Amino acid sequence: MERTDILELMSTLKLYGMRAAYDEVMTTGIKRRHEPPRIVGDLLSAEIAEKQARWLCQDNRMARERGRG
């Protein structure tokens, strides 16, 4: 599967963290000869980090809105 197809599928599935980290994780994985499970794990970790960051931003936004009310 081509890179563009993979990135498109990640966007369709709303895996924005994986999409953002894809090139770096793949480049590092290939250079260091990581096994596929390690590469997938790194992509999943990037996705979790992105979702947590988005959740914190949303939580802060909600707290500011409650403070105005």
Protein backbone atom coordinates (compact mmCIF):
# COMPACT_ATOMS: atom_id res chain seq x y z
CA MET A 1 0.00 0.00 0.00
CA GLU A 2 1.29 3.46 -0.86
CA ARG A 3 2.06 6.11 1.75
CA THR A 4 -0.70 8.41 0.50
CA ASP A 5 -3.26 5.60 0.80
CA ILE A 6 -2.16 4.88 4.37
CA LEU A 7 -2.35 8.55 5.36
CA GLU A 8 -5.77 8.86 3.76
CA LEU A 9 -7.04 5.83 5.69
CA MET A 10 -5.66 7.28 8.93
CA SER A 11 -7.55 10.50 8.25
CA THR A 12 -10.73 8.60 7.45
CA LEU A 13 -10.42 6.75 10.76
CA LYS A 14 -9.60 10.05 12.54
CA LEU A 15 -6.19 8.77 13.63
CA TYR A 16 -4.64 12.23 13.51
CA GLY A 17 -1.83 11.45 15.95
CA MET A 18 -0.73 8.43 13.94
CA ARG A 19 -0.94 10.43 10.74
CA ALA A 20 1.21 13.24 12.14
CA ALA A 21 3.85 10.81 13.45
CA TYR A 22 3.84 8.38 10.51
CA ASP A 23 6.85 9.66 8.56
CA GLU A 24 9.08 10.07 11.61
CA VAL A 25 8.13 6.69 13.10
CA MET A 26 8.61 4.88 9.79
CA THR A 27 11.95 6.57 9.07
CA THR A 28 13.27 5.80 12.55
CA GLY A 29 11.92 2.26 12.45
CA ILE A 30 13.55 1.50 9.13
CA LYS A 31 16.89 3.06 10.07
CA ARG A 32 17.04 1.18 13.37
CA ARG A 33 15.57 -2.00 11.90
CA HIS A 34 12.68 -2.14 14.35
CA GLU A 35 10.28 -5.04 14.11
CA PRO A 36 6.75 -4.26 12.83
CA PRO A 37 5.14 -4.61 16.29
CA ARG A 38 7.51 -1.91 17.60
CA ILE A 39 6.58 0.44 14.74
CA VAL A 40 2.87 -0.16 15.29
CA GLY A 41 3.37 0.41 19.01
CA ASP A 42 5.11 3.72 18.35
CA LEU A 43 2.25 4.81 16.08
CA LEU A 44 -0.31 3.83 18.70
CA SER A 45 1.61 5.73 21.38
CA ALA A 46 1.58 8.82 19.16
CA GLU A 47 -2.18 8.47 18.71
CA ILE A 48 -2.76 8.16 22.45
CA ALA A 49 -0.59 11.22 23.15
CA GLU A 50 -2.50 13.27 20.55
CA LYS A 51 -5.88 12.24 21.98
CA GLN A 52 -4.77 13.10 25.53
CA ALA A 53 -3.51 16.51 24.40
CA ARG A 54 -6.78 17.19 22.57
CA TRP A 55 -8.75 16.09 25.63
CA LEU A 56 -6.74 18.44 27.88
CA CYS A 57 -7.33 21.37 25.52
CA GLN A 58 -11.04 20.64 25.47
CA ASP A 59 -11.12 20.26 29.25
CA ASN A 60 -9.34 23.62 29.70
CA ARG A 61 -11.73 25.26 27.27
CA MET A 62 -14.73 23.91 29.17
CA ALA A 63 -13.26 25.12 32.49
CA ARG A 64 -12.79 28.63 31.10
CA GLU A 65 -16.36 28.68 29.79
CA ARG A 66 -17.69 27.58 33.20
CA GLY A 67 -15.72 30.39 34.83
CA ARG A 68 -17.42 32.98 32.63
CA GLY A 69 -20.93 31.73 33.36
